[in-house]
C-alpha cells in the first residue's frame, strides 16, 4: 500500500498539496477580504473619533442655538460610538448604528454648529 501525497490533518484525512482550499486563489481572497474589513473598521473608528473631537472643541452655546442636543449630550453620544466601534467593530448589532450616529453628527449637526461659531471653537 503506497503512501498518498499531501498533508495529513488530525482526522487522518489527506489534504491536497495546496492546503485545505486547494489553491492559492482562496488564500489571496481571504487576505483581500480581511484587509477590506480592517480598512472599513479603522475608517469607521476614525470617523467616530473625528466626530467626538469636533464636538469637544465646539462652543457649548452653539448646540442649543441650532436646535440640537447640548454639547454634553453629543460628547456622551459620540464617546459611546467610539467605545462601541472599538469593542464590537462595525459589523455588529451596535456597530452600524454607531457609524450612522457619527455620520449624522458630521453631516447634519457639525455644519450648523460651525455656522454659528464662525471661526473660534472655544
N, C-alpha and C. Protein backbone atom coordinates (compact mmCIF):
# COMPACT_ATOMS: atom_id res chain seq x y z
N UNK A 1 0.85 -1.17 0.00
CA UNK A 1 0.00 0.00 0.00
C UNK A 1 0.90 1.24 0.00
N UNK A 2 0.79 2.07 -1.01
CA UNK A 2 1.63 3.25 -1.17
C UNK A 2 1.12 4.42 -0.34
N UNK A 3 2.03 5.28 -0.05
CA UNK A 3 1.66 6.47 0.73
C UNK A 3 1.06 7.52 -0.21
N UNK A 4 -0.03 8.10 0.22
CA UNK A 4 -0.67 9.15 -0.57
C UNK A 4 0.05 10.46 -0.34
N UNK A 5 0.17 11.25 -1.43
CA UNK A 5 0.83 12.54 -1.27
C UNK A 5 -0.13 13.53 -0.63
N UNK A 6 0.41 14.50 -0.01
CA UNK A 6 -0.41 15.52 0.63
C UNK A 6 -0.07 15.62 2.10
N UNK A 7 -0.85 16.38 2.79
CA UNK A 7 -0.62 16.65 4.20
C UNK A 7 -1.74 15.99 4.98
N UNK A 8 -1.38 15.31 6.05
CA UNK A 8 -2.40 14.69 6.88
C UNK A 8 -2.88 15.68 7.94
N UNK A 9 -4.17 15.77 8.11
CA UNK A 9 -4.69 16.60 9.19
C UNK A 9 -5.03 15.70 10.37
N UNK A 10 -5.54 16.23 11.43
CA UNK A 10 -5.79 15.48 12.66
C UNK A 10 -6.71 14.29 12.50
N UNK A 11 -7.65 14.33 11.57
CA UNK A 11 -8.59 13.22 11.41
C UNK A 11 -8.02 12.10 10.56
N UNK A 12 -6.81 12.25 10.05
CA UNK A 12 -6.21 11.23 9.22
C UNK A 12 -6.53 11.42 7.75
N UNK A 13 -7.36 12.37 7.43
CA UNK A 13 -7.72 12.65 6.05
C UNK A 13 -6.55 13.33 5.36
N UNK A 14 -6.31 13.01 4.12
CA UNK A 14 -5.21 13.60 3.37
C UNK A 14 -5.73 14.82 2.63
N UNK A 15 -5.07 15.95 2.84
CA UNK A 15 -5.44 17.19 2.18
C UNK A 15 -4.62 17.36 0.92
N UNK A 16 -5.13 18.07 -0.06
CA UNK A 16 -4.33 18.33 -1.26
C UNK A 16 -3.11 19.18 -0.93
N UNK A 17 -2.15 19.17 -1.82
CA UNK A 17 -0.89 19.88 -1.59
C UNK A 17 -1.08 21.37 -1.38
N UNK A 18 -2.08 22.00 -1.99
CA UNK A 18 -2.29 23.43 -1.90
C UNK A 18 -2.90 23.87 -0.59
N UNK A 19 -3.15 23.00 0.34
CA UNK A 19 -3.76 23.35 1.60
C UNK A 19 -5.24 22.98 1.59
N UNK A 20 -5.98 23.35 2.61
CA UNK A 20 -7.38 22.97 2.69
C UNK A 20 -8.21 23.50 1.53
N UNK A 21 -7.91 24.66 1.05
CA UNK A 21 -8.70 25.21 -0.05
C UNK A 21 -8.26 24.64 -1.39
N UNK A 22 -7.04 24.20 -1.46
CA UNK A 22 -6.58 23.58 -2.67
C UNK A 22 -5.99 24.54 -3.69
N UNK A 23 -6.00 25.83 -3.40
CA UNK A 23 -5.42 26.78 -4.35
C UNK A 23 -4.94 28.02 -3.64
N UNK A 24 -4.07 28.73 -4.30
CA UNK A 24 -3.58 29.99 -3.75
C UNK A 24 -4.62 31.09 -3.88
N UNK A 25 -5.57 30.92 -4.80
CA UNK A 25 -6.61 31.91 -5.02
C UNK A 25 -7.43 32.13 -3.75
N UNK A 26 -7.79 31.05 -3.07
CA UNK A 26 -8.60 31.16 -1.86
C UNK A 26 -7.84 31.93 -0.78
N UNK A 27 -6.54 31.70 -0.66
CA UNK A 27 -5.75 32.41 0.33
C UNK A 27 -5.66 33.89 0.03
N UNK A 28 -5.52 34.22 -1.25
CA UNK A 28 -5.44 35.64 -1.60
C UNK A 28 -6.77 36.34 -1.41
N UNK A 29 -7.86 35.64 -1.65
CA UNK A 29 -9.18 36.23 -1.43
C UNK A 29 -9.45 36.42 0.05
N UNK A 30 -8.97 35.51 0.86
CA UNK A 30 -9.12 35.67 2.31
C UNK A 30 -8.33 36.88 2.79
N UNK A 31 -7.12 37.05 2.27
CA UNK A 31 -6.31 38.20 2.63
C UNK A 31 -6.99 39.48 2.19
N UNK A 32 -7.53 39.50 0.98
CA UNK A 32 -8.19 40.69 0.45
C UNK A 32 -9.42 41.06 1.28
N UNK A 33 -10.23 40.08 1.63
CA UNK A 33 -11.42 40.38 2.43
C UNK A 33 -11.04 40.82 3.84
N UNK A 34 -9.98 40.25 4.38
CA UNK A 34 -9.52 40.67 5.71
C UNK A 34 -9.01 42.10 5.69
N UNK A 35 -8.28 42.46 4.66
CA UNK A 35 -7.78 43.84 4.55
C UNK A 35 -8.93 44.82 4.35
N UNK A 36 -9.93 44.45 3.57
CA UNK A 36 -11.10 45.31 3.38
C UNK A 36 -11.82 45.52 4.70
N UNK A 37 -12.01 44.46 5.47
CA UNK A 37 -12.67 44.58 6.78
C UNK A 37 -11.85 45.45 7.73
N UNK A 38 -10.53 45.30 7.70
CA UNK A 38 -9.68 46.11 8.57
C UNK A 38 -9.75 47.58 8.20
N UNK A 39 -9.68 47.90 6.91
CA UNK A 39 -9.76 49.29 6.46
C UNK A 39 -11.13 49.88 6.79
N UNK A 40 -12.18 49.12 6.60
CA UNK A 40 -13.54 49.58 6.89
C UNK A 40 -13.70 49.84 8.39
N UNK A 41 -13.18 48.96 9.21
CA UNK A 41 -13.29 49.11 10.67
C UNK A 41 -12.47 50.31 11.15
N UNK A 42 -11.23 50.42 10.71
CA UNK A 42 -10.40 51.54 11.14
C UNK A 42 -10.94 52.87 10.63
N UNK A 43 -11.45 52.88 9.40
CA UNK A 43 -12.05 54.11 8.87
C UNK A 43 -13.26 54.54 9.66
N UNK A 44 -14.09 53.60 10.04
CA UNK A 44 -15.27 53.93 10.85
C UNK A 44 -14.88 54.41 12.23
N UNK A 45 -13.87 53.79 12.80
CA UNK A 45 -13.40 54.22 14.12
C UNK A 45 -12.81 55.63 14.06
N UNK A 46 -12.05 55.93 13.02
CA UNK A 46 -11.50 57.28 12.87
C UNK A 46 -12.60 58.31 12.63
N UNK A 47 -13.64 57.93 11.92
CA UNK A 47 -14.78 58.81 11.70
C UNK A 47 -15.45 59.16 13.03
N UNK A 48 -15.64 58.15 13.88
CA UNK A 48 -16.26 58.39 15.19
C UNK A 48 -15.36 59.23 16.09
N UNK A 49 -14.05 59.01 16.02
CA UNK A 49 -13.11 59.82 16.81
C UNK A 49 -13.13 61.26 16.33
N UNK A 50 -13.22 61.47 15.03
CA UNK A 50 -13.32 62.81 14.47
C UNK A 50 -14.58 63.51 14.98
N UNK A 51 -15.71 62.80 14.99
CA UNK A 51 -16.96 63.39 15.49
C UNK A 51 -16.84 63.74 16.97
N UNK A 52 -16.20 62.87 17.74
CA UNK A 52 -16.02 63.13 19.18
C UNK A 52 -15.11 64.34 19.39
N UNK A 53 -14.00 64.40 18.67
CA UNK A 53 -13.08 65.53 18.83
C UNK A 53 -13.73 66.84 18.39
N UNK A 54 -14.48 66.80 17.31
CA UNK A 54 -15.14 68.01 16.83
C UNK A 54 -16.17 68.51 17.84
N UNK A 55 -16.95 67.59 18.40
CA UNK A 55 -17.95 68.01 19.39
C UNK A 55 -17.29 68.52 20.67
N UNK A 56 -16.09 68.05 20.96
CA UNK A 56 -15.39 68.51 22.16
C UNK A 56 -14.87 69.94 22.01
N UNK A 57 -14.54 70.35 20.78
CA UNK A 57 -13.94 71.66 20.57
C UNK A 57 -14.93 72.74 20.15
N UNK A 58 -16.19 72.43 20.07
CA UNK A 58 -17.21 73.44 19.72
C UNK A 58 -17.71 74.15 20.98
N UNK A 59 -18.21 75.36 20.80
CA UNK A 59 -18.75 76.13 21.93
C UNK A 59 -20.04 75.49 22.44
N UNK A 60 -20.21 75.42 23.74
CA UNK A 60 -21.42 74.79 24.30
C UNK A 60 -22.71 75.51 23.93
N UNK A 61 -22.65 76.82 23.78
CA UNK A 61 -23.88 77.58 23.48
C UNK A 61 -24.34 77.39 22.04
N UNK A 62 -23.48 76.90 21.17
CA UNK A 62 -23.84 76.77 19.76
C UNK A 62 -24.80 75.61 19.50
N UNK A 63 -24.75 74.58 20.31
CA UNK A 63 -25.60 73.40 20.07
C UNK A 63 -27.08 73.71 20.27
N UNK A 64 -27.49 74.29 21.41
CA UNK A 64 -28.91 74.63 21.55
C UNK A 64 -29.35 75.73 20.58
N UNK A 65 -28.41 76.55 20.14
CA UNK A 65 -28.76 77.65 19.22
C UNK A 65 -29.24 77.12 17.87
N UNK A 66 -28.81 75.93 17.49
CA UNK A 66 -29.24 75.35 16.22
C UNK A 66 -30.27 74.23 16.44
N UNK A 67 -30.91 74.24 17.60
CA UNK A 67 -31.95 73.26 17.96
C UNK A 67 -31.46 71.83 17.91
N UNK A 68 -30.29 71.59 18.46
CA UNK A 68 -29.75 70.24 18.60
C UNK A 68 -29.54 69.96 20.07
N UNK A 69 -29.11 68.75 20.40
CA UNK A 69 -28.84 68.39 21.79
C UNK A 69 -27.72 69.28 22.34
N UNK A 70 -27.52 69.21 23.64
CA UNK A 70 -26.46 70.00 24.26
C UNK A 70 -25.09 69.42 23.91
N UNK A 71 -24.06 70.19 24.20
CA UNK A 71 -22.70 69.72 23.93
C UNK A 71 -22.39 68.46 24.75
N UNK A 72 -22.82 68.44 25.99
CA UNK A 72 -22.57 67.28 26.84
C UNK A 72 -23.24 66.03 26.27
N UNK A 73 -24.44 66.19 25.75
CA UNK A 73 -25.14 65.04 25.16
C UNK A 73 -24.38 64.51 23.95
N UNK A 74 -23.90 65.41 23.10
CA UNK A 74 -23.15 64.97 21.91
C UNK A 74 -21.81 64.35 22.29
N UNK A 75 -21.20 64.84 23.36
CA UNK A 75 -19.96 64.22 23.82
C UNK A 75 -20.21 62.79 24.30
N UNK A 76 -21.29 62.61 25.03
CA UNK A 76 -21.63 61.26 25.51
C UNK A 76 -22.00 60.35 24.34
N UNK A 77 -22.82 60.84 23.42
CA UNK A 77 -23.25 60.04 22.27
C UNK A 77 -22.05 59.64 21.42
N UNK A 78 -21.21 60.62 21.08
CA UNK A 78 -20.05 60.31 20.23
C UNK A 78 -19.02 59.47 20.97
N UNK A 79 -18.89 59.67 22.27
CA UNK A 79 -18.00 58.82 23.06
C UNK A 79 -18.46 57.38 23.08
N UNK A 80 -19.77 57.18 23.22
CA UNK A 80 -20.31 55.81 23.16
C UNK A 80 -20.09 55.18 21.79
N UNK A 81 -20.18 55.99 20.74
CA UNK A 81 -19.92 55.48 19.39
C UNK A 81 -18.49 54.97 19.27
N UNK A 82 -17.54 55.73 19.81
CA UNK A 82 -16.14 55.31 19.75
C UNK A 82 -15.93 54.02 20.53
N UNK A 83 -16.50 53.93 21.72
CA UNK A 83 -16.35 52.73 22.55
C UNK A 83 -16.98 51.52 21.86
N UNK A 84 -18.17 51.68 21.32
CA UNK A 84 -18.85 50.56 20.65
C UNK A 84 -18.05 50.09 19.44
N UNK A 85 -17.56 51.03 18.64
CA UNK A 85 -16.79 50.63 17.46
C UNK A 85 -15.46 49.99 17.83
N UNK A 86 -14.87 50.44 18.93
CA UNK A 86 -13.61 49.86 19.36
C UNK A 86 -13.81 48.43 19.87
N UNK A 87 -14.84 48.20 20.67
CA UNK A 87 -15.03 46.89 21.29
C UNK A 87 -15.78 45.90 20.42
N UNK A 88 -16.77 46.36 19.67
CA UNK A 88 -17.61 45.43 18.91
C UNK A 88 -17.36 45.45 17.41
N UNK A 89 -16.71 46.48 16.90
CA UNK A 89 -16.47 46.56 15.47
C UNK A 89 -17.67 47.13 14.74
N UNK A 90 -17.50 47.29 13.44
CA UNK A 90 -18.54 47.90 12.62
C UNK A 90 -19.69 46.93 12.37
N UNK A 91 -19.34 45.71 12.05
CA UNK A 91 -20.36 44.75 11.66
C UNK A 91 -20.86 44.03 12.92
N UNK A 92 -21.68 44.74 13.66
CA UNK A 92 -22.30 44.18 14.86
C UNK A 92 -23.65 44.86 15.05
N UNK A 93 -24.38 44.38 16.03
CA UNK A 93 -25.72 44.92 16.30
C UNK A 93 -25.65 46.40 16.68
N UNK A 94 -24.62 46.80 17.39
CA UNK A 94 -24.47 48.19 17.81
C UNK A 94 -23.50 48.98 16.93
N UNK A 95 -22.67 48.30 16.15
CA UNK A 95 -21.67 48.97 15.34
C UNK A 95 -22.24 49.80 14.22
N UNK A 96 -23.20 49.27 13.50
CA UNK A 96 -23.78 50.01 12.38
C UNK A 96 -24.53 51.26 12.84
N UNK A 97 -25.35 51.20 13.91
CA UNK A 97 -25.96 52.44 14.40
C UNK A 97 -24.93 53.44 14.91
N UNK A 98 -23.82 52.97 15.46
CA UNK A 98 -22.77 53.89 15.93
C UNK A 98 -22.17 54.65 14.75
N UNK A 99 -21.94 53.97 13.64
CA UNK A 99 -21.43 54.65 12.45
C UNK A 99 -22.46 55.64 11.93
N UNK A 100 -23.73 55.25 11.95
CA UNK A 100 -24.80 56.14 11.47
C UNK A 100 -24.87 57.40 12.32
N UNK A 101 -24.72 57.28 13.62
CA UNK A 101 -24.77 58.45 14.50
C UNK A 101 -23.58 59.36 14.25
N UNK A 102 -22.39 58.79 14.07
CA UNK A 102 -21.21 59.61 13.79
C UNK A 102 -21.36 60.35 12.46
N UNK A 103 -21.89 59.67 11.46
CA UNK A 103 -22.12 60.31 10.17
C UNK A 103 -23.17 61.41 10.30
N UNK A 104 -24.23 61.14 11.07
CA UNK A 104 -25.27 62.15 11.29
C UNK A 104 -24.68 63.41 11.92
N UNK A 105 -23.83 63.21 12.93
CA UNK A 105 -23.22 64.38 13.58
C UNK A 105 -22.38 65.17 12.57
N UNK A 106 -21.55 64.48 11.81
CA UNK A 106 -20.65 65.17 10.89
C UNK A 106 -21.36 65.80 9.70
N UNK A 107 -22.47 65.23 9.28
CA UNK A 107 -23.17 65.74 8.09
C UNK A 107 -24.24 66.77 8.45
N UNK A 108 -24.91 66.60 9.57
CA UNK A 108 -26.04 67.48 9.89
C UNK A 108 -25.71 68.48 11.01
N UNK A 109 -25.21 68.00 12.12
CA UNK A 109 -25.00 68.86 13.29
C UNK A 109 -23.77 69.75 13.12
N UNK A 110 -22.67 69.18 12.71
CA UNK A 110 -21.41 69.92 12.61
C UNK A 110 -21.50 71.16 11.73
N UNK A 111 -22.07 71.08 10.51
CA UNK A 111 -22.15 72.30 9.70
C UNK A 111 -23.00 73.40 10.33
N UNK A 112 -24.08 73.03 10.99
CA UNK A 112 -24.93 74.03 11.62
C UNK A 112 -24.24 74.68 12.81
N UNK A 113 -23.57 73.88 13.61
CA UNK A 113 -22.85 74.44 14.77
C UNK A 113 -21.68 75.28 14.28
N UNK A 114 -21.01 74.85 13.23
CA UNK A 114 -19.88 75.62 12.69
C UNK A 114 -20.34 76.96 12.12
N UNK A 115 -21.54 77.00 11.55
CA UNK A 115 -22.03 78.27 11.01
C UNK A 115 -22.34 79.27 12.12
N UNK A 116 -22.67 78.79 13.30
CA UNK A 116 -22.93 79.67 14.44
C UNK A 116 -21.63 80.21 15.00
N UNK A 117 -20.63 79.35 15.13
CA UNK A 117 -19.38 79.77 15.78
C UNK A 117 -18.52 80.64 14.87
N UNK A 118 -18.46 80.38 13.59
CA UNK A 118 -17.76 81.21 12.60
C UNK A 118 -16.29 81.49 12.93
N UNK A 119 -15.55 80.51 13.28
CA UNK A 119 -14.13 80.75 13.49
C UNK A 119 -13.63 80.10 14.76
N UNK A 120 -13.73 80.79 15.86
CA UNK A 120 -13.20 80.25 17.11
C UNK A 120 -14.06 79.09 17.59
N UNK A 121 -13.41 78.03 18.03
CA UNK A 121 -14.12 76.86 18.54
C UNK A 121 -14.22 76.90 20.06
N UNK A 122 -13.62 77.86 20.70
CA UNK A 122 -13.63 77.93 22.16
C UNK A 122 -14.65 78.90 22.56
